[in-house]
C-alpha atoms as a PDB file:
ATOM      1  CA  MET A   1     -19.713  13.176 -15.443  1.00  0.00           C
ATOM      2  CA  GLU A   2     -21.476  14.847 -12.542  1.00  0.00           C
ATOM      3  CA  ILE A   3     -21.083  13.965  -8.874  1.00  0.00           C
ATOM      4  CA  ARG A   4     -22.850  15.362  -5.820  1.00  0.00           C
ATOM      5  CA  ILE A   5     -20.348  16.248  -3.097  1.00  0.00           C
ATOM      6  CA  ALA A   6     -20.370  17.887   0.313  1.00  0.00           C
ATOM      7  CA  GLY A   7     -16.907  19.265  -0.399  1.00  0.00           C
ATOM      8  CA  THR A   8     -13.228  18.525  -0.813  1.00  0.00           C
ATOM      9  CA  THR A   9     -10.191  18.960   1.402  1.00  0.00           C
ATOM     10  CA  SER A  10      -6.745  19.503  -0.071  1.00  0.00           C
ATOM     11  CA  ASP A  11      -3.581  18.504   1.775  1.00  0.00           C
ATOM     12  CA  SER A  12      -5.373  16.123   4.160  1.00  0.00           C
ATOM     13  CA  ILE A  13      -3.128  14.043   6.423  1.00  0.00           C
ATOM     14  CA  VAL A  14      -5.861  12.182   8.332  1.00  0.00           C
ATOM     15  CA  ASP A  15      -7.716  10.275   5.586  1.00  0.00           C
ATOM     16  CA  GLY A  16      -4.909   7.890   4.648  1.00  0.00           C
ATOM     17  CA  PRO A  17      -1.126   8.071   4.525  1.00  0.00           C
ATOM     18  CA  GLY A  18       0.720  11.021   3.073  1.00  0.00           C
ATOM     19  CA  ILE A  19      -0.792  14.221   1.765  1.00  0.00           C
ATOM     20  CA  ARG A  20      -4.120  13.616   0.061  1.00  0.00           C
ATOM     21  CA  LEU A  21      -7.072  15.169  -1.702  1.00  0.00           C
ATOM     22  CA  THR A  22     -10.216  14.030   0.107  1.00  0.00           C
ATOM     23  CA  VAL A  23     -13.565  14.116  -1.674  1.00  0.00           C
ATOM     24  CA  PHE A  24     -16.601  13.997   0.608  1.00  0.00           C
ATOM     25  CA  THR A  25     -19.460  12.530  -1.398  1.00  0.00           C
ATOM     26  CA  GLN A  26     -23.032  13.557  -0.608  1.00  0.00           C
ATOM     27  CA  GLY A  27     -25.674  11.044   0.439  1.00  0.00           C
ATOM     28  CA  CYS A  28     -25.451   8.197   2.930  1.00  0.00           C
ATOM     29  CA  PRO A  29     -27.993   5.494   3.811  1.00  0.00           C
ATOM     30  CA  HIS A  30     -26.202   4.188   6.912  1.00  0.00           C
ATOM     31  CA  GLY A  31     -27.158   6.836   9.489  1.00  0.00           C
ATOM     32  CA  CYS A  32     -24.399   5.875  11.925  1.00  0.00           C
ATOM     33  CA  ALA A  33     -24.903   7.372  15.381  1.00  0.00           C
ATOM     34  CA  GLY A  34     -21.981   9.691  16.135  1.00  0.00           C
ATOM     35  CA  CYS A  35     -20.991  10.120  12.464  1.00  0.00           C
ATOM     36  CA  HIS A  36     -18.473  12.948  12.118  1.00  0.00           C
ATOM     37  CA  ASN A  37     -19.990  14.021   8.757  1.00  0.00           C
ATOM     38  CA  PRO A  38     -23.771  14.045   9.368  1.00  0.00           C
ATOM     39  CA  GLU A  39     -24.196  16.935   6.921  1.00  0.00           C
ATOM     40  CA  THR A  40     -23.333  14.474   4.138  1.00  0.00           C
ATOM     41  CA  HIS A  41     -26.305  12.160   4.782  1.00  0.00           C
ATOM     42  CA  ASP A  42     -28.963  13.993   2.754  1.00  0.00           C
ATOM     43  CA  PRO A  43     -28.683  12.783  -0.861  1.00  0.00           C
ATOM     44  CA  ALA A  44     -30.139  16.117  -2.051  1.00  0.00           C
ATOM     45  CA  GLY A  45     -27.647  18.204  -0.071  1.00  0.00           C
ATOM     46  CA  GLY A  46     -24.234  19.455  -1.048  1.00  0.00           C
ATOM     47  CA  ARG A  47     -23.543  20.600  -4.572  1.00  0.00           C
ATOM     48  CA  VAL A  48     -23.120  19.033  -7.995  1.00  0.00           C
ATOM     49  CA  VAL A  49     -19.720  19.332  -9.669  1.00  0.00           C
ATOM     50  CA  ASP A  50     -18.162  17.819 -12.737  1.00  0.00           C
ATOM     51  CA  THR A  51     -15.681  15.038 -12.033  1.00  0.00           C
ATOM     52  CA  GLU A  52     -13.227  16.812 -14.369  1.00  0.00           C
ATOM     53  CA  LYS A  53     -13.031  19.680 -11.876  1.00  0.00           C
ATOM     54  CA  ILE A  54     -11.965  17.261  -9.134  1.00  0.00           C
ATOM     55  CA  ILE A  55      -9.499  15.539 -11.456  1.00  0.00           C
ATOM     56  CA  ALA A  56      -8.025  18.939 -12.369  1.00  0.00           C
ATOM     57  CA  GLY A  57      -7.467  19.511  -8.647  1.00  0.00           C
ATOM     58  CA  LEU A  58      -5.542  16.240  -8.473  1.00  0.00           C
ATOM     59  CA  ARG A  59      -3.323  17.371 -11.346  1.00  0.00           C
ATOM     60  CA  GLU A  60      -2.632  20.778  -9.813  1.00  0.00           C
ATOM     61  CA  ASN A  61      -1.011  19.596  -6.586  1.00  0.00           C
ATOM     62  CA  PRO A  62       2.025  17.356  -7.175  1.00  0.00           C
ATOM     63  CA  LEU A  63       2.617  17.102  -3.403  1.00  0.00           C
ATOM     64  CA  GLU A  64      -0.544  15.077  -2.900  1.00  0.00           C
ATOM     65  CA  SER A  65       0.328  11.394  -3.067  1.00  0.00           C
ATOM     66  CA  GLY A  66      -3.203  10.106  -2.881  1.00  0.00           C
ATOM     67  CA  LEU A  67      -6.928  10.478  -3.241  1.00  0.00           C
ATOM     68  CA  THR A  68      -9.441   9.583  -0.548  1.00  0.00           C
ATOM     69  CA  LEU A  69     -13.109   9.067  -1.367  1.00  0.00           C
ATOM     70  CA  SER A  70     -15.156   9.553   1.775  1.00  0.00           C
ATOM     71  CA  GLY A  71     -18.649  10.543   2.596  1.00  0.00           C
ATOM     72  CA  GLY A  72     -21.366  10.338   2.701  1.00  0.00           C
ATOM     73  CA  GLU A  73     -21.160   6.999   0.949  1.00  0.00           C
ATOM     74  CA  PRO A  74     -18.926   6.841  -2.164  1.00  0.00           C
ATOM     75  CA  PHE A  75     -20.535   3.605  -3.372  1.00  0.00           C
ATOM     76  CA  LEU A  76     -23.843   5.458  -3.882  1.00  0.00           C
ATOM     77  CA  GLN A  77     -22.094   7.331  -6.710  1.00  0.00           C
ATOM     78  CA  ALA A  78     -19.778   4.520  -7.728  1.00  0.00           C
ATOM     79  CA  ALA A  79     -19.517   5.377 -11.441  1.00  0.00           C
ATOM     80  CA  ALA A  80     -18.432   8.969 -10.799  1.00  0.00           C
ATOM     81  CA  CYS A  81     -16.083   7.918  -7.996  1.00  0.00           C
ATOM     82  CA  HIS A  82     -14.605   5.252 -10.282  1.00  0.00           C
ATOM     83  CA  GLU A  83     -13.851   7.911 -12.895  1.00  0.00           C
ATOM     84  CA  ILE A  84     -12.026  10.050 -10.317  1.00  0.00           C
ATOM     85  CA  ALA A  85     -10.153   7.042  -8.882  1.00  0.00           C
ATOM     86  CA  ARG A  86      -9.056   5.892 -12.342  1.00  0.00           C
ATOM     87  CA  ALA A  87      -7.687   9.369 -13.073  1.00  0.00           C
ATOM     88  CA  ALA A  88      -5.861   9.411  -9.726  1.00  0.00           C
ATOM     89  CA  HIS A  89      -4.146   6.133 -10.593  1.00  0.00           C
ATOM     90  CA  ALA A  90      -3.215   7.493 -14.033  1.00  0.00           C
ATOM     91  CA  LEU A  91      -1.501  10.358 -12.189  1.00  0.00           C
ATOM     92  CA  GLY A  92       0.448   7.900 -10.019  1.00  0.00           C
ATOM     93  CA  LYS A  93      -1.610   8.500  -6.876  1.00  0.00           C
ATOM     94  CA  ASN A  94      -2.993   5.842  -4.545  1.00  0.00           C
ATOM     95  CA  VAL A  95      -6.705   5.613  -3.784  1.00  0.00           C
ATOM     96  CA  TRP A  96      -8.440   5.004  -0.477  1.00  0.00           C
ATOM     97  CA  THR A  97     -12.215   4.622  -0.222  1.00  0.00           C
ATOM     98  CA  TYR A  98     -14.245   4.807   2.986  1.00  0.00           C
ATOM     99  CA  THR A  99     -17.554   2.940   3.078  1.00  0.00           C
ATOM    100  CA  GLY A 100     -20.196   1.916   5.568  1.00  0.00           C
ATOM    101  CA  TYR A 101     -20.659  -1.320   3.622  1.00  0.00           C
ATOM    102  CA  VAL A 102     -18.482  -4.337   4.344  1.00  0.00           C
ATOM    103  CA  PHE A 103     -16.173  -5.735   1.668  1.00  0.00           C
ATOM    104  CA  GLU A 104     -17.997  -9.083   1.550  1.00  0.00           C
ATOM    105  CA  LYS A 105     -21.361  -7.398   0.863  1.00  0.00           C
ATOM    106  CA  LEU A 106     -19.900  -5.381  -2.003  1.00  0.00           C
ATOM    107  CA  LEU A 107     -18.418  -8.559  -3.507  1.00  0.00           C
ATOM    108  CA  ALA A 108     -21.605 -10.600  -3.093  1.00  0.00           C
ATOM    109  CA  GLU A 109     -23.683  -7.817  -4.610  1.00  0.00           C
ATOM    110  CA  GLY A 110     -21.537  -7.815  -7.756  1.00  0.00           C
ATOM    111  CA  ASP A 111     -22.903  -4.461  -8.973  1.00  0.00           C
ATOM    112  CA  PRO A 112     -20.759  -3.526 -12.014  1.00  0.00           C
ATOM    113  CA  ASP A 113     -20.282   0.141 -11.039  1.00  0.00           C
ATOM    114  CA  ARG A 114     -19.427  -0.734  -7.454  1.00  0.00           C
ATOM    115  CA  MET A 115     -17.030  -3.468  -8.569  1.00  0.00           C
ATOM    116  CA  ALA A 116     -15.342  -0.989 -10.928  1.00  0.00           C
ATOM    117  CA  LEU A 117     -14.818   1.439  -8.043  1.00  0.00           C
ATOM    118  CA  LEU A 118     -13.570  -1.385  -5.844  1.00  0.00           C
ATOM    119  CA  SER A 119     -11.081  -2.392  -8.549  1.00  0.00           C
ATOM    120  CA  GLU A 120      -9.680   1.173  -8.589  1.00  0.00           C
ATOM    121  CA  THR A 121      -9.378   1.283  -4.786  1.00  0.00           C
ATOM    122  CA  ASP A 122      -6.047   0.411  -3.167  1.00  0.00           C
ATOM    123  CA  VAL A 123      -7.279   0.439   0.432  1.00  0.00           C
ATOM    124  CA  LEU A 124     -10.908   0.103   1.473  1.00  0.00           C
ATOM    125  CA  VAL A 125     -11.877   1.261   4.952  1.00  0.00           C
ATOM    126  CA  ASP A 126     -15.058  -0.746   5.444  1.00  0.00           C
ATOM    127  CA  GLY A 127     -17.884  -1.053   7.903  1.00  0.00           C
ATOM    128  CA  PRO A 128     -20.234   1.362   9.608  1.00  0.00           C
ATOM    129  CA  PHE A 129     -19.008   3.634  12.364  1.00  0.00           C
ATOM    130  CA  ILE A 130     -20.167   2.132  15.671  1.00  0.00           C
ATOM    131  CA  LEU A 131     -20.139   4.685  18.464  1.00  0.00           C
ATOM    132  CA  ARG A 132     -19.655   2.154  21.295  1.00  0.00           C
ATOM    133  CA  GLU A 133     -16.560   0.847  19.465  1.00  0.00           C
ATOM    134  CA  ARG A 134     -15.092   4.297  18.869  1.00  0.00           C
ATOM    135  CA  SER A 135     -11.380   4.627  19.501  1.00  0.00           C
ATOM    136  CA  LEU A 136      -9.017   7.542  19.045  1.00  0.00           C
ATOM    137  CA  GLU A 137      -6.096   5.082  19.061  1.00  0.00           C
ATOM    138  CA  LEU A 138      -6.918   3.693  15.605  1.00  0.00           C
ATOM    139  CA  ARG A 139      -5.141   4.884  12.475  1.00  0.00           C
ATOM    140  CA  PHE A 140      -7.382   6.000   9.629  1.00  0.00           C
ATOM    141  CA  CYS A 141     -10.666   4.675  11.038  1.00  0.00           C
ATOM    142  CA  GLY A 142     -13.017   5.581  13.840  1.00  0.00           C
ATOM    143  CA  SER A 143     -14.324   2.359  15.381  1.00  0.00           C
ATOM    144  CA  ARG A 144     -12.806  -1.044  16.104  1.00  0.00           C
ATOM    145  CA  ASN A 145     -15.119  -2.921  13.719  1.00  0.00           C
ATOM    146  CA  GLN A 146     -13.761  -1.043  10.707  1.00  0.00           C
ATOM    147  CA  ARG A 147     -11.030  -2.676   8.640  1.00  0.00           C
ATOM    148  CA  LEU A 148      -8.313  -1.340   6.379  1.00  0.00           C
ATOM    149  CA  ILE A 149      -8.441  -3.774   3.472  1.00  0.00           C
ATOM    150  CA  ASP A 150      -5.808  -4.272   0.780  1.00  0.00           C
ATOM    151  CA  VAL A 151      -8.238  -4.524  -2.123  1.00  0.00           C
ATOM    152  CA  ARG A 152      -5.927  -6.029  -4.743  1.00  0.00           C
ATOM    153  CA  LYS A 153      -4.783  -8.812  -2.426  1.00  0.00           C
ATOM    154  CA  SER A 154      -8.371  -9.343  -1.284  1.00  0.00           C
ATOM    155  CA  LEU A 155      -9.770  -9.633  -4.806  1.00  0.00           C
ATOM    156  CA  THR A 156      -7.066 -12.175  -5.635  1.00  0.00           C
ATOM    157  CA  ALA A 157      -7.675 -14.153  -2.424  1.00  0.00           C
ATOM    158  CA  GLY A 158     -11.470 -13.921  -2.637  1.00  0.00           C
ATOM    159  CA  GLU A 159     -11.588 -12.747   0.983  1.00  0.00           C
ATOM    160  CA  ALA A 160     -10.661  -9.659   2.970  1.00  0.00           C
ATOM    161  CA  VAL A 161      -6.916  -9.219   3.504  1.00  0.00           C
ATOM    162  CA  CYS A 162      -5.951  -6.446   5.897  1.00  0.00           C
ATOM    163  CA  TRP A 163      -3.674  -3.677   4.658  1.00  0.00           C
ATOM    164  CA  LYS A 164      -0.322  -3.407   6.336  1.00  0.00           C
ATOM    165  CA  PRO A 165       1.413  -0.043   6.306  1.00  0.00           C
ATOM    166  CA  PRO A 166       4.778  -0.075   4.545  1.00  0.00           C
ATOM    167  CA  ALA A 167       7.886  -0.168   6.691  1.00  0.00           C
ATOM    168  CA  TRP A 168       9.491   3.247   6.401  1.00  0.00           C
END
C-alpha cells in the first residue's frame, strides 16, 4: 500500500518513550499556528513510499521499541498508517499516534479506517497545537490542551483515559 510521507526519523527519543521510528505523514488540514512541521501541511508535498519499505525499517532496527505516527495528520491516511501500526505490533513494538483531532471526534465519526488505526494505537496524543498554550515543560506534546490518551483503556471505558507512564 502506498503512503505519502514527509520523511522518517530513526532512533527518535522525543516522540514517545524509548527509541522509536517516527513516520511523518504528509498532509494536514489543521493549520496550527506555530506548528513545528509546517512543511507537512501540503497534501501534495513529500514523497510516496510503499508501506512495506517502512515496515522493513521497523524490522531492521531491534533497538527501536516503538513506532510513532506523526505529521502532517496520520488520520488522513488512516488505512496505510493502520497497516504500518499493525506490523509494528506484530514485531512487539508499541505505537503512538499524534493527531490534531480530539479522541471524542474520532470516536463519534466512526470512520472504519480511522477506527482501525485507533485500535492499533497504544497512546494517542490528541488535539491541535495551540501556540498560546505552548509549554516546553510537557512530555511528548507541545501545548497544554493536548492529551496523552491510553487508547485501549479509553475504548473500553467509552471516554478518554489519560496515559500514565510506567514506574521504572
